[in-house]
Structures are given as structure tokens and as C-alpha cells.
C-alpha atoms as a PDB file:
ATOM      1  CA  MET A   1      -0.047   0.192   0.214  1.00  0.00           C
ATOM      2  CA  TYR A   2       3.054   1.812   0.749  1.00  0.00           C
ATOM      3  CA  GLN A   3       5.475   0.708  -2.249  1.00  0.00           C
ATOM      4  CA  TYR A   4       3.205   1.648  -5.005  1.00  0.00           C
ATOM      5  CA  SER A   5       1.378   4.546  -3.732  1.00  0.00           C
ATOM      6  CA  PRO A   6       2.043   7.982  -5.783  1.00  0.00           C
ATOM      7  CA  SER A   7       1.722   9.926  -3.501  1.00  0.00           C
ATOM      8  CA  SER A   8       3.284  10.073   0.289  1.00  0.00           C
ATOM      9  CA  HIS A   9      -0.149   8.747   1.288  1.00  0.00           C
ATOM     10  CA  PRO A  10      -0.679   5.198   0.915  1.00  0.00           C
ATOM     11  CA  LEU A  11      -2.656   3.315  -1.263  1.00  0.00           C
ATOM     12  CA  THR A  12      -6.673   2.381  -0.130  1.00  0.00           C
ATOM     13  CA  GLU A  13      -7.008  -1.216   0.284  1.00  0.00           C
ATOM     14  CA  ILE A  14      -9.831  -0.706  -1.996  1.00  0.00           C
ATOM     15  CA  GLU A  15      -6.846   0.519  -4.832  1.00  0.00           C
ATOM     16  CA  VAL A  16      -4.871  -2.638  -3.804  1.00  0.00           C
ATOM     17  CA  PHE A  17      -7.972  -5.199  -4.385  1.00  0.00           C
ATOM     18  CA  VAL A  18      -9.310  -3.714  -7.477  1.00  0.00           C
ATOM     19  CA  GLY A  19      -5.615  -3.548  -8.581  1.00  0.00           C
ATOM     20  CA  SER A  20      -5.836   0.154  -9.676  1.00  0.00           C
ATOM     21  CA  VAL A  21      -4.168   3.420  -8.807  1.00  0.00           C
ATOM     22  CA  LEU A  22      -6.956   5.535  -8.357  1.00  0.00           C
ATOM     23  CA  GLY A  23      -4.440   8.678  -8.159  1.00  0.00           C
ATOM     24  CA  LYS A  24      -5.182  12.326  -5.885  1.00  0.00           C
ATOM     25  CA  ASN A  25      -7.784  13.452  -8.564  1.00  0.00           C
ATOM     26  CA  GLY A  26      -8.935  10.072  -9.323  1.00  0.00           C
ATOM     27  CA  GLY A  27      -8.933  11.568 -13.327  1.00  0.00           C
ATOM     28  CA  LEU A  28      -7.287   9.664 -16.015  1.00  0.00           C
ATOM     29  CA  PRO A  29      -4.489   7.414 -15.093  1.00  0.00           C
ATOM     30  CA  THR A  30      -1.009   8.371 -16.871  1.00  0.00           C
ATOM     31  CA  LYS A  31       1.041   5.127 -18.002  1.00  0.00           C
ATOM     32  CA  ARG A  32       3.415   5.501 -14.983  1.00  0.00           C
ATOM     33  CA  LEU A  33      -0.006   4.839 -13.306  1.00  0.00           C
ATOM     34  CA  ARG A  34      -1.237   2.342 -15.154  1.00  0.00           C
ATOM     35  CA  GLU A  35       1.976   0.288 -14.607  1.00  0.00           C
ATOM     36  CA  VAL A  36       2.167   0.598 -11.246  1.00  0.00           C
ATOM     37  CA  SER A  37      -1.638  -0.276 -11.124  1.00  0.00           C
ATOM     38  CA  THR A  38      -0.248  -3.739 -13.242  1.00  0.00           C
ATOM     39  CA  GLU A  39       2.659  -4.652 -11.317  1.00  0.00           C
ATOM     40  CA  MET A  40       0.419  -4.130  -8.459  1.00  0.00           C
ATOM     41  CA  LYS A  41      -2.383  -6.121  -9.365  1.00  0.00           C
ATOM     42  CA  ASP A  42       0.221  -9.263 -10.657  1.00  0.00           C
ATOM     43  CA  LYS A  43       1.917  -8.843  -7.289  1.00  0.00           C
ATOM     44  CA  PHE A  44      -1.271  -8.868  -5.607  1.00  0.00           C
ATOM     45  CA  GLU A  45      -2.820 -12.484  -7.429  1.00  0.00           C
ATOM     46  CA  ARG A  46       0.246 -14.526  -6.990  1.00  0.00           C
ATOM     47  CA  ASP A  47       0.146 -13.458  -3.012  1.00  0.00           C
ATOM     48  CA  VAL A  48      -3.452 -14.477  -3.354  1.00  0.00           C
ATOM     49  CA  SER A  49      -2.587 -17.108  -4.704  1.00  0.00           C
ATOM     50  CA  PHE A  50      -0.364 -18.695  -2.896  1.00  0.00           C
ATOM     51  CA  THR A  51      -2.419 -18.413   0.880  1.00  0.00           C
ATOM     52  CA  VAL A  52      -5.255 -20.010  -1.164  1.00  0.00           C
ATOM     53  CA  ASN A  53      -2.856 -22.463  -2.216  1.00  0.00           C
ATOM     54  CA  SER A  54      -1.409 -22.212   1.531  1.00  0.00           C
ATOM     55  CA  ILE A  55      -4.960 -22.680   3.223  1.00  0.00           C
ATOM     56  CA  LEU A  56      -6.432 -25.867   0.567  1.00  0.00           C
ATOM     57  CA  GLN A  57      -2.963 -27.757   0.959  1.00  0.00           C
ATOM     58  CA  GLY A  58      -1.105 -26.861   4.058  1.00  0.00           C
ATOM     59  CA  SER A  59       2.363 -26.292   4.277  1.00  0.00           C
ATOM     60  CA  GLY A  60       2.829 -30.026   3.564  1.00  0.00           C
ATOM     61  CA  GLU A  61       5.186 -31.207   0.275  1.00  0.00           C
ATOM     62  CA  SER A  62       2.442 -32.962  -0.796  1.00  0.00           C
ATOM     63  CA  PRO A  63      -1.654 -31.882  -1.362  1.00  0.00           C
ATOM     64  CA  ASP A  64      -4.433 -33.194   1.004  1.00  0.00           C
ATOM     65  CA  LEU A  65      -6.274 -35.695  -0.787  1.00  0.00           C
ATOM     66  CA  ASP A  66      -9.114 -35.280   2.533  1.00  0.00           C
ATOM     67  CA  ARG A  67     -11.336 -32.184   1.730  1.00  0.00           C
ATOM     68  CA  GLY A  68     -11.651 -31.873   5.731  1.00  0.00           C
ATOM     69  CA  GLU A  69      -8.849 -30.700   6.243  1.00  0.00           C
ATOM     70  CA  ALA A  70      -8.706 -27.623   3.409  1.00  0.00           C
ATOM     71  CA  LEU A  71     -12.102 -26.824   5.177  1.00  0.00           C
ATOM     72  CA  GLY A  72     -11.122 -26.816   8.862  1.00  0.00           C
ATOM     73  CA  ARG A  73      -7.983 -24.944   7.890  1.00  0.00           C
ATOM     74  CA  SER A  74     -10.471 -22.642   5.800  1.00  0.00           C
ATOM     75  CA  ILE A  75     -12.645 -21.872   9.213  1.00  0.00           C
ATOM     76  CA  ALA A  76      -9.835 -21.244  10.917  1.00  0.00           C
ATOM     77  CA  CYS A  77      -8.390 -18.663   8.832  1.00  0.00           C
ATOM     78  CA  LEU A  78     -11.613 -16.929   8.442  1.00  0.00           C
ATOM     79  CA  ALA A  79     -12.004 -16.797  12.697  1.00  0.00           C
ATOM     80  CA  VAL A  80      -8.432 -15.508  12.926  1.00  0.00           C
ATOM     81  CA  ALA A  81      -8.748 -12.719   9.984  1.00  0.00           C
ATOM     82  CA  ARG A  82     -11.911 -11.767  12.123  1.00  0.00           C
ATOM     83  CA  GLU A  83     -10.508 -11.020  15.129  1.00  0.00           C
ATOM     84  CA  GLU A  84      -9.554  -7.640  15.999  1.00  0.00           C
ATOM     85  CA  PRO A  85      -6.266  -7.125  15.759  1.00  0.00           C
ATOM     86  CA  GLU A  86      -4.455  -5.310  19.022  1.00  0.00           C
ATOM     87  CA  SER A  87      -2.817  -2.902  16.487  1.00  0.00           C
ATOM     88  CA  VAL A  88      -3.503  -1.906  13.229  1.00  0.00           C
ATOM     89  CA  LEU A  89      -1.559  -0.100  10.688  1.00  0.00           C
ATOM     90  CA  PRO A  90      -0.651   3.297  10.751  1.00  0.00           C
ATOM     91  CA  LYS A  91      -2.317   5.559   8.203  1.00  0.00           C
ATOM     92  CA  ILE A  92      -4.028   2.225   6.829  1.00  0.00           C
ATOM     93  CA  GLY A  93      -6.186   0.620   9.720  1.00  0.00           C
ATOM     94  CA  LYS A  94      -7.202  -3.058   9.930  1.00  0.00           C
ATOM     95  CA  LEU A  95      -7.223  -4.406   6.434  1.00  0.00           C
ATOM     96  CA  LYS A  96     -10.545  -6.577   5.685  1.00  0.00           C
ATOM     97  CA  SER A  97      -9.287  -8.003   2.338  1.00  0.00           C
ATOM     98  CA  PHE A  98      -7.876 -11.329   3.914  1.00  0.00           C
ATOM     99  CA  ALA A  99     -11.468 -12.239   6.064  1.00  0.00           C
ATOM    100  CA  TYR A 100     -12.941 -11.873   1.999  1.00  0.00           C
ATOM    101  CA  VAL A 101      -9.885 -14.106   0.212  1.00  0.00           C
ATOM    102  CA  ALA A 102     -10.316 -16.435   3.546  1.00  0.00           C
ATOM    103  CA  ALA A 103     -14.454 -16.570   3.359  1.00  0.00           C
ATOM    104  CA  ALA A 104     -14.439 -17.113  -0.359  1.00  0.00           C
ATOM    105  CA  ILE A 105     -12.910 -20.595   0.524  1.00  0.00           C
ATOM    106  CA  CYS A 106     -14.268 -21.302   3.278  1.00  0.00           C
ATOM    107  CA  LEU A 107     -17.459 -21.238   1.043  1.00  0.00           C
ATOM    108  CA  ARG A 108     -15.940 -22.956  -1.725  1.00  0.00           C
ATOM    109  CA  GLU A 109     -14.764 -25.876   0.655  1.00  0.00           C
ATOM    110  CA  ILE A 110     -18.300 -26.146   2.644  1.00  0.00           C
ATOM    111  CA  ASP A 111     -20.293 -26.920  -1.107  1.00  0.00           C
ATOM    112  CA  GLY A 112     -17.325 -28.698  -2.430  1.00  0.00           C
ATOM    113  CA  PHE A 113     -17.653 -31.060   1.081  1.00  0.00           C
ATOM    114  CA  HIS A 114     -21.797 -30.986   1.173  1.00  0.00           C
ATOM    115  CA  GLY A 115     -21.196 -32.316  -2.939  1.00  0.00           C
ATOM    116  CA  ALA A 116     -18.707 -34.671  -1.763  1.00  0.00           C
ATOM    117  CA  ARG A 117     -21.378 -36.580   0.445  1.00  0.00           C
END
């Protein structure tokens, strides 16, 4: 949020989650802002993919064959994401996007768990 900001203020979580740097005026983005947005979006997608795979497969070397393990991990991640942190990031506040990612994985795993029966 600080790294890709075009100003001294960090980007909003929405800008990062959507992958679009809006800039100060919210007007048409410059070539530089478009490049930064693309780079930021690619990095965010890599980070989210890593997180999703970690939840689904765990930290082991081989993927889990048991859907219940992935469901349990996704529920645990959602519970942790919903807890209030003791401290928040300066000028940013509490981040919410991890809770949305964890909830989406949890819902997908619940759906798959019920579909497997």
C-alpha cells in the first residue's frame, strides 16, 4: 500500500484489492499509474494465489486428499481474520481483504464438502 502509492499517502485497501491506483484527483490514469497498477495487481494475485494454495494444501509437501483438512484450515483462517488485531497499520487501519479471501475459500470448501457426500 505504501510501495505502489504515487504520493506520500498509502493506497487504500480497495485500490489494492481492485488493482487500480486511482491517484489524487481520481481522473484518467497516467502511463506511470497504469504500469504501477499492473505491477501491483500481478503481485497481489501472486500473493493471494499463494495464500489460497496454503489454505487448501497446507504447508506439507504433498496436497491433502482430505477435503475436511482444507475446510478446517479455511474455517480457522476465517476465524483469525475476523478477530480484532491488537494493533493496526499506521495511516491504513485494519485490513479486511484477507477475511474476504478466507470466506470465499471457506464457502467453496463447504460447498465441495457437501457435494462430496
